[in-house]
Amino acid sequence: MRTTIDAGGRIVIPKDVRDALELVPGQSVDVALVDGRISIDPTGIGMHLETRDGVPVAVPDEPVPPLTAQTVRATLERLRR
């Protein structure tokens, strides 16, 4: 897909690409130069490890919504296609 860089250096990620990657307005992305190409990757949620009762536990650096059965079902359906 072809897009244009505006005077402010911005590009628009086409809607079908945003939809396929489930990108939403305000979401952060990592932009990098890789082998002479621009790489744009959705960022994940930062995590750190805490030890709880002697067991390391991954803890998100920002609040995340609870995982629901509906979310799991929707993800499975999307992956099965």
PDB file of N, CA and C in Angstrom:
ATOM      1  N   MET A   1       0.837  -1.176   0.000  1.00  0.00           N
ATOM      2  CA  MET A   1       0.000   0.000   0.000  1.00  0.00           C
ATOM      3  C   MET A   1       0.879   1.235   0.000  1.00  0.00           C
ATOM      4  N   ARG A   2       0.407   2.221  -0.651  1.00  0.00           N
ATOM      5  CA  ARG A   2       1.165   3.459  -0.758  1.00  0.00           C
ATOM      6  C   ARG A   2       0.468   4.545   0.059  1.00  0.00           C
ATOM      7  N   THR A   3       1.274   5.330   0.762  1.00  0.00           N
ATOM      8  CA  THR A   3       0.756   6.464   1.512  1.00  0.00           C
ATOM      9  C   THR A   3       1.742   7.608   1.335  1.00  0.00           C
ATOM     10  N   THR A   4       1.419   8.766   1.848  1.00  0.00           N
ATOM     11  CA  THR A   4       2.244   9.956   1.661  1.00  0.00           C
ATOM     12  C   THR A   4       2.663  10.520   3.014  1.00  0.00           C
ATOM     13  N   ILE A   5       3.867  11.029   3.071  1.00  0.00           N
ATOM     14  CA  ILE A   5       4.346  11.712   4.273  1.00  0.00           C
ATOM     15  C   ILE A   5       3.909  13.172   4.175  1.00  0.00           C
ATOM     16  N   ASP A   6       3.262  13.698   5.211  1.00  0.00           N
ATOM     17  CA  ASP A   6       2.816  15.097   5.162  1.00  0.00           C
ATOM     18  C   ASP A   6       3.950  16.031   5.583  1.00  0.00           C
ATOM     19  N   ALA A   7       3.687  17.333   5.540  1.00  0.00           N
ATOM     20  CA  ALA A   7       4.715  18.337   5.853  1.00  0.00           C
ATOM     21  C   ALA A   7       5.247  18.203   7.273  1.00  0.00           C
ATOM     22  N   GLY A   8       4.446  17.630   8.181  1.00  0.00           N
ATOM     23  CA  GLY A   8       4.877  17.438   9.565  1.00  0.00           C
ATOM     24  C   GLY A   8       5.631  16.131   9.773  1.00  0.00           C
ATOM     25  N   GLY A   9       5.848  15.357   8.695  1.00  0.00           N
ATOM     26  CA  GLY A   9       6.565  14.089   8.809  1.00  0.00           C
ATOM     27  C   GLY A   9       5.678  12.921   9.197  1.00  0.00           C
ATOM     28  N   ARG A  10       4.360  13.123   9.176  1.00  0.00           N
ATOM     29  CA  ARG A  10       3.430  12.072   9.590  1.00  0.00           C
ATOM     30  C   ARG A  10       2.992  11.229   8.396  1.00  0.00           C
ATOM     31  N   ILE A  11       2.690   9.971   8.683  1.00  0.00           N
ATOM     32  CA  ILE A  11       2.086   9.107   7.681  1.00  0.00           C
ATOM     33  C   ILE A  11       0.798   8.530   8.256  1.00  0.00           C
ATOM     34  N   VAL A  12      -0.103   8.140   7.386  1.00  0.00           N
ATOM     35  CA  VAL A  12      -1.337   7.498   7.815  1.00  0.00           C
ATOM     36  C   VAL A  12      -1.199   6.010   7.530  1.00  0.00           C
ATOM     37  N   ILE A  13      -1.424   5.201   8.550  1.00  0.00           N
ATOM     38  CA  ILE A  13      -1.430   3.749   8.361  1.00  0.00           C
ATOM     39  C   ILE A  13      -2.818   3.405   7.812  1.00  0.00           C
ATOM     40  N   PRO A  14      -2.888   2.758   6.649  1.00  0.00           N
ATOM     41  CA  PRO A  14      -4.193   2.461   6.046  1.00  0.00           C
ATOM     42  C   PRO A  14      -5.116   1.706   7.007  1.00  0.00           C
ATOM     43  N   LYS A  15      -6.417   1.991   6.878  1.00  0.00           N
ATOM     44  CA  LYS A  15      -7.412   1.433   7.796  1.00  0.00           C
ATOM     45  C   LYS A  15      -7.383  -0.088   7.848  1.00  0.00           C
ATOM     46  N   ASP A  16      -7.264  -0.755   6.699  1.00  0.00           N
ATOM     47  CA  ASP A  16      -7.280  -2.222   6.744  1.00  0.00           C
ATOM     48  C   ASP A  16      -6.075  -2.780   7.492  1.00  0.00           C
ATOM     49  N   VAL A  17      -4.931  -2.081   7.445  1.00  0.00           N
ATOM     50  CA  VAL A  17      -3.754  -2.502   8.216  1.00  0.00           C
ATOM     51  C   VAL A  17      -3.996  -2.253   9.696  1.00  0.00           C
ATOM     52  N   ARG A  18      -4.531  -1.072  10.042  1.00  0.00           N
ATOM     53  CA  ARG A  18      -4.847  -0.774  11.453  1.00  0.00           C
ATOM     54  C   ARG A  18      -5.825  -1.797  12.004  1.00  0.00           C
ATOM     55  N   ASP A  19      -6.853  -2.120  11.224  1.00  0.00           N
ATOM     56  CA  ASP A  19      -7.849  -3.094  11.678  1.00  0.00           C
ATOM     57  C   ASP A  19      -7.222  -4.472  11.875  1.00  0.00           C
ATOM     58  N   ALA A  20      -6.394  -4.898  10.921  1.00  0.00           N
ATOM     59  CA  ALA A  20      -5.775  -6.230  11.016  1.00  0.00           C
ATOM     60  C   ALA A  20      -4.873  -6.347  12.240  1.00  0.00           C
ATOM     61  N   LEU A  21      -4.200  -5.246  12.595  1.00  0.00           N
ATOM     62  CA  LEU A  21      -3.291  -5.257  13.744  1.00  0.00           C
ATOM     63  C   LEU A  21      -3.961  -4.771  15.026  1.00  0.00           C
ATOM     64  N   GLU A  22      -5.247  -4.433  14.931  1.00  0.00           N
ATOM     65  CA  GLU A  22      -6.014  -3.931  16.067  1.00  0.00           C
ATOM     66  C   GLU A  22      -5.355  -2.704  16.701  1.00  0.00           C
ATOM     67  N   LEU A  23      -4.860  -1.807  15.844  1.00  0.00           N
ATOM     68  CA  LEU A  23      -4.284  -0.555  16.322  1.00  0.00           C
ATOM     69  C   LEU A  23      -5.407   0.431  16.591  1.00  0.00           C
ATOM     70  N   VAL A  24      -5.274   1.197  17.653  1.00  0.00           N
ATOM     71  CA  VAL A  24      -6.302   2.161  18.030  1.00  0.00           C
ATOM     72  C   VAL A  24      -5.684   3.542  18.191  1.00  0.00           C
ATOM     73  N   PRO A  25      -6.477   4.600  18.003  1.00  0.00           N
ATOM     74  CA  PRO A  25      -5.948   5.961  18.186  1.00  0.00           C
ATOM     75  C   PRO A  25      -5.326   6.128  19.569  1.00  0.00           C
ATOM     76  N   GLY A  26      -4.182   6.774  19.595  1.00  0.00           N
ATOM     77  CA  GLY A  26      -3.488   7.013  20.852  1.00  0.00           C
ATOM     78  C   GLY A  26      -2.536   5.903  21.256  1.00  0.00           C
ATOM     79  N   GLN A  27      -2.595   4.768  20.564  1.00  0.00           N
ATOM     80  CA  GLN A  27      -1.704   3.647  20.890  1.00  0.00           C
ATOM     81  C   GLN A  27      -0.283   4.007  20.478  1.00  0.00           C
ATOM     82  N   SER A  28       0.694   3.612  21.274  1.00  0.00           N
ATOM     83  CA  SER A  28       2.080   3.903  20.928  1.00  0.00           C
ATOM     84  C   SER A  28       2.646   2.789  20.049  1.00  0.00           C
ATOM     85  N   VAL A  29       3.582   3.192  19.188  1.00  0.00           N
ATOM     86  CA  VAL A  29       4.279   2.250  18.318  1.00  0.00           C
ATOM     87  C   VAL A  29       5.772   2.553  18.396  1.00  0.00           C
ATOM     88  N   ASP A  30       6.578   1.544  18.109  1.00  0.00           N
ATOM     89  CA  ASP A  30       8.026   1.725  18.009  1.00  0.00           C
ATOM     90  C   ASP A  30       8.369   1.933  16.539  1.00  0.00           C
ATOM     91  N   VAL A  31       9.154   2.964  16.248  1.00  0.00           N
ATOM     92  CA  VAL A  31       9.601   3.230  14.889  1.00  0.00           C
ATOM     93  C   VAL A  31      11.116   3.087  14.893  1.00  0.00           C
ATOM     94  N   ALA A  32      11.648   2.282  13.952  1.00  0.00           N
ATOM     95  CA  ALA A  32      13.082   2.044  13.912  1.00  0.00           C
ATOM     96  C   ALA A  32      13.547   1.925  12.466  1.00  0.00           C
ATOM     97  N   LEU A  33      14.813   2.181  12.268  1.00  0.00           N
ATOM     98  CA  LEU A  33      15.454   1.964  10.983  1.00  0.00           C
ATOM     99  C   LEU A  33      16.115   0.594  11.047  1.00  0.00           C
ATOM    100  N   VAL A  34      15.678  -0.328  10.189  1.00  0.00           N
ATOM    101  CA  VAL A  34      16.190  -1.699  10.192  1.00  0.00           C
ATOM    102  C   VAL A  34      16.621  -2.059   8.778  1.00  0.00           C
ATOM    103  N   ASP A  35      17.907  -2.272   8.588  1.00  0.00           N
ATOM    104  CA  ASP A  35      18.451  -2.643   7.275  1.00  0.00           C
ATOM    105  C   ASP A  35      17.979  -1.697   6.169  1.00  0.00           C
ATOM    106  N   GLY A  36      17.992  -0.395   6.448  1.00  0.00           N
ATOM    107  CA  GLY A  36      17.617   0.596   5.456  1.00  0.00           C
ATOM    108  C   GLY A  36      16.123   0.743   5.244  1.00  0.00           C
ATOM    109  N   ARG A  37      15.318   0.124   6.093  1.00  0.00           N
ATOM    110  CA  ARG A  37      13.857   0.219   5.986  1.00  0.00           C
ATOM    111  C   ARG A  37      13.283   0.775   7.281  1.00  0.00           C
ATOM    112  N   ILE A  38      12.089   1.344   7.170  1.00  0.00           N
ATOM    113  CA  ILE A  38      11.387   1.821   8.360  1.00  0.00           C
ATOM    114  C   ILE A  38      10.563   0.667   8.909  1.00  0.00           C
ATOM    115  N   SER A  39      10.731   0.388  10.174  1.00  0.00           N
ATOM    116  CA  SER A  39       9.954  -0.653  10.849  1.00  0.00           C
ATOM    117  C   SER A  39       9.049   0.026  11.869  1.00  0.00           C
ATOM    118  N   ILE A  40       7.745  -0.261  11.776  1.00  0.00           N
ATOM    119  CA  ILE A  40       6.778   0.290  12.726  1.00  0.00           C
ATOM    120  C   ILE A  40       6.112  -0.890  13.415  1.00  0.00           C
ATOM    121  N   ASP A  41       6.301  -1.009  14.715  1.00  0.00           N
ATOM    122  CA  ASP A  41       5.775  -2.143  15.462  1.00  0.00           C
ATOM    123  C   ASP A  41       4.917  -1.656  16.630  1.00  0.00           C
ATOM    124  N   PRO A  42       3.744  -2.273  16.819  1.00  0.00           N
ATOM    125  CA  PRO A  42       2.949  -1.927  17.995  1.00  0.00           C
ATOM    126  C   PRO A  42       3.742  -2.241  19.268  1.00  0.00           C
ATOM    127  N   THR A  43       3.669  -1.356  20.224  1.00  0.00           N
ATOM    128  CA  THR A  43       4.366  -1.616  21.478  1.00  0.00           C
ATOM    129  C   THR A  43       3.472  -2.444  22.384  1.00  0.00           C
ATOM    130  N   GLY A  44       4.100  -3.258  23.153  1.00  0.00           N
ATOM    131  CA  GLY A  44       3.363  -4.022  24.146  1.00  0.00           C
ATOM    132  C   GLY A  44       3.277  -3.232  25.439  1.00  0.00           C
ATOM    133  N   ILE A  45       2.735  -3.837  26.415  1.00  0.00           N
ATOM    134  CA  ILE A  45       2.647  -3.205  27.732  1.00  0.00           C
ATOM    135  C   ILE A  45       3.928  -3.527  28.478  1.00  0.00           C
ATOM    136  N   GLY A  46       4.540  -2.507  29.045  1.00  0.00           N
ATOM    137  CA  GLY A  46       5.755  -2.734  29.818  1.00  0.00           C
ATOM    138  C   GLY A  46       5.471  -3.624  31.026  1.00  0.00           C
ATOM    139  N   MET A  47       6.404  -4.476  31.325  1.00  0.00           N
ATOM    140  CA  MET A  47       6.268  -5.396  32.454  1.00  0.00           C
ATOM    141  C   MET A  47       7.541  -5.369  33.294  1.00  0.00           C
ATOM    142  N   HIS A  48       7.394  -5.734  34.520  1.00  0.00           N
ATOM    143  CA  HIS A  48       8.548  -5.952  35.390  1.00  0.00           C
ATOM    144  C   HIS A  48       8.248  -7.167  36.257  1.00  0.00           C
ATOM    145  N   LEU A  49       9.284  -7.772  36.795  1.00  0.00           N
ATOM    146  CA  LEU A  49       9.113  -8.948  37.648  1.00  0.00           C
ATOM    147  C   LEU A  49       9.121  -8.552  39.114  1.00  0.00           C
ATOM    148  N   GLU A  50       8.190  -9.116  39.836  1.00  0.00           N
ATOM    149  CA  GLU A  50       8.154  -8.990  41.293  1.00  0.00           C
ATOM    150  C   GLU A  50       8.140 -10.400  41.869  1.00  0.00           C
ATOM    151  N   THR A  51       8.726 -10.545  43.027  1.00  0.00           N
ATOM    152  CA  THR A  51       8.687 -11.843  43.693  1.00  0.00           C
ATOM    153  C   THR A  51       7.564 -11.825  44.713  1.00  0.00           C
ATOM    154  N   ARG A  52       6.645 -12.767  44.550  1.00  0.00           N
ATOM    155  CA  ARG A  52       5.511 -12.886  45.466  1.00  0.00           C
ATOM    156  C   ARG A  52       5.493 -14.300  46.016  1.00  0.00           C
ATOM    157  N   ASP A  53       5.607 -14.407  47.311  1.00  0.00           N
ATOM    158  CA  ASP A  53       5.668 -15.717  47.972  1.00  0.00           C
ATOM    159  C   ASP A  53       6.771 -16.585  47.385  1.00  0.00           C
ATOM    160  N   GLY A  54       7.897 -15.939  47.048  1.00  0.00           N
ATOM    161  CA  GLY A  54       9.042 -16.669  46.528  1.00  0.00           C
ATOM    162  C   GLY A  54       8.948 -17.043  45.055  1.00  0.00           C
ATOM    163  N   VAL A  55       7.909 -16.554  44.370  1.00  0.00           N
ATOM    164  CA  VAL A  55       7.709 -16.897  42.954  1.00  0.00           C
ATOM    165  C   VAL A  55       7.756 -15.614  42.122  1.00  0.00           C
ATOM    166  N   PRO A  56       8.561 -15.580  41.042  1.00  0.00           N
ATOM    167  CA  PRO A  56       8.559 -14.390  40.195  1.00  0.00           C
ATOM    168  C   PRO A  56       7.231 -14.261  39.445  1.00  0.00           C
ATOM    169  N   VAL A  57       6.694 -13.041  39.436  1.00  0.00           N
ATOM    170  CA  VAL A  57       5.407 -12.763  38.784  1.00  0.00           C
ATOM    171  C   VAL A  57       5.602 -11.554  37.878  1.00  0.00           C
ATOM    172  N   ALA A  58       5.134 -11.665  36.620  1.00  0.00           N
ATOM    173  CA  ALA A  58       5.176 -10.528  35.697  1.00  0.00           C
ATOM    174  C   ALA A  58       4.045  -9.577  36.052  1.00  0.00           C
ATOM    175  N   VAL A  59       4.385  -8.309  36.265  1.00  0.00           N
ATOM    176  CA  VAL A  59       3.411  -7.288  36.663  1.00  0.00           C
ATOM    177  C   VAL A  59       3.437  -6.179  35.610  1.00  0.00           C
ATOM    178  N   PRO A  60       2.268  -5.815  35.052  1.00  0.00           N
ATOM    179  CA  PRO A  60       2.247  -4.749  34.042  1.00  0.00           C
ATOM    180  C   PRO A  60       2.585  -3.397  34.656  1.00  0.00           C
ATOM    181  N   ASP A  61       3.236  -2.547  33.851  1.00  0.00           N
ATOM    182  CA  ASP A  61       3.602  -1.204  34.315  1.00  0.00           C
ATOM    183  C   ASP A  61       2.440  -0.224  34.239  1.00  0.00           C
ATOM    184  N   GLU A  62       1.359  -0.624  33.596  1.00  0.00           N
ATOM    185  CA  GLU A  62       0.177   0.233  33.503  1.00  0.00           C
ATOM    186  C   GLU A  62      -1.054  -0.643  33.678  1.00  0.00           C
ATOM    187  N   PRO A  63      -2.180  -0.058  34.051  1.00  0.00           N
ATOM    188  CA  PRO A  63      -3.383  -0.869  34.250  1.00  0.00           C
ATOM    189  C   PRO A  63      -3.812  -1.550  32.948  1.00  0.00           C
ATOM    190  N   VAL A  64      -4.254  -2.774  33.065  1.00  0.00           N
ATOM    191  CA  VAL A  64      -4.773  -3.517  31.912  1.00  0.00           C
ATOM    192  C   VAL A  64      -6.160  -4.043  32.260  1.00  0.00           C
ATOM    193  N   PRO A  65      -7.035  -4.118  31.250  1.00  0.00           N
ATOM    194  CA  PRO A  65      -8.372  -4.635  31.534  1.00  0.00           C
ATOM    195  C   PRO A  65      -8.293  -6.122  31.867  1.00  0.00           C
ATOM    196  N   PRO A  66      -9.221  -6.621  32.659  1.00  0.00           N
ATOM    197  CA  PRO A  66      -9.198  -8.043  33.004  1.00  0.00           C
ATOM    198  C   PRO A  66      -9.467  -8.897  31.768  1.00  0.00           C
ATOM    199  N   LEU A  67      -8.874 -10.071  31.729  1.00  0.00           N
ATOM    200  CA  LEU A  67      -9.083 -11.013  30.641  1.00  0.00           C
ATOM    201  C   LEU A  67     -10.422 -11.702  30.856  1.00  0.00           C
ATOM    202  N   THR A  68     -11.281 -11.620  29.851  1.00  0.00           N
ATOM    203  CA  THR A  68     -12.602 -12.226  29.979  1.00  0.00           C
ATOM    204  C   THR A  68     -12.723 -13.427  29.046  1.00  0.00           C
ATOM    205  N   ALA A  69     -13.695 -14.275  29.312  1.00  0.00           N
ATOM    206  CA  ALA A  69     -13.950 -15.429  28.443  1.00  0.00           C
ATOM    207  C   ALA A  69     -14.301 -14.946  27.035  1.00  0.00           C
ATOM    208  N   GLN A  70     -15.016 -13.841  26.933  1.00  0.00           N
ATOM    209  CA  GLN A  70     -15.389 -13.302  25.624  1.00  0.00           C
ATOM    210  C   GLN A  70     -14.151 -12.894  24.825  1.00  0.00           C
ATOM    211  N   THR A  71     -13.183 -12.271  25.476  1.00  0.00           N
ATOM    212  CA  THR A  71     -11.952 -11.888  24.802  1.00  0.00           C
ATOM    213  C   THR A  71     -11.194 -13.123  24.325  1.00  0.00           C
ATOM    214  N   VAL A  72     -11.125 -14.143  25.156  1.00  0.00           N
ATOM    215  CA  VAL A  72     -10.430 -15.380  24.782  1.00  0.00           C
ATOM    216  C   VAL A  72     -11.123 -16.023  23.583  1.00  0.00           C
ATOM    217  N   ARG A  73     -12.454 -16.104  23.614  1.00  0.00           N
ATOM    218  CA  ARG A  73     -13.204 -16.697  22.488  1.00  0.00           C
ATOM    219  C   ARG A  73     -12.963 -15.921  21.202  1.00  0.00           C
ATOM    220  N   ALA A  74     -13.027 -14.592  21.265  1.00  0.00           N
ATOM    221  CA  ALA A  74     -12.823 -13.762  20.078  1.00  0.00           C
ATOM    222  C   ALA A  74     -11.413 -13.943  19.523  1.00  0.00           C
ATOM    223  N   THR A  75     -10.424 -14.033  20.406  1.00  0.00           N
ATOM    224  CA  THR A  75      -9.045 -14.234  19.968  1.00  0.00           C
ATOM    225  C   THR A  75      -8.881 -15.586  19.295  1.00  0.00           C
ATOM    226  N   LEU A  76      -9.441 -16.623  19.891  1.00  0.00           N
ATOM    227  CA  LEU A  76      -9.367 -17.962  19.291  1.00  0.00           C
ATOM    228  C   LEU A  76     -10.018 -17.989  17.918  1.00  0.00           C
ATOM    229  N   GLU A  77     -11.186 -17.375  17.801  1.00  0.00           N
ATOM    230  CA  GLU A  77     -11.878 -17.336  16.496  1.00  0.00           C
ATOM    231  C   GLU A  77     -11.053 -16.618  15.453  1.00  0.00           C
ATOM    232  N   ARG A  78     -10.440 -15.496  15.843  1.00  0.00           N
ATOM    233  CA  ARG A  78      -9.616 -14.733  14.907  1.00  0.00           C
ATOM    234  C   ARG A  78      -8.404 -15.549  14.466  1.00  0.00           C
ATOM    235  N   LEU A  79      -7.794 -16.292  15.383  1.00  0.00           N
ATOM    236  CA  LEU A  79      -6.607 -17.083  15.056  1.00  0.00           C
ATOM    237  C   LEU A  79      -6.949 -18.305  14.211  1.00  0.00           C
ATOM    238  N   ARG A  80      -8.150 -18.820  14.338  1.00  0.00           N
ATOM    239  CA  ARG A  80      -8.554 -20.004  13.571  1.00  0.00           C
ATOM    240  C   ARG A  80      -8.847 -19.690  12.115  1.00  0.00           C
ATOM    241  N   ARG A  81      -9.072 -18.436  11.783  1.00  0.00           N
ATOM    242  CA  ARG A  81      -9.392 -18.058  10.388  1.00  0.00           C
ATOM    243  C   ARG A  81      -8.210 -18.115   9.501  1.00  0.00           C
TER     244      ARG A  81
END
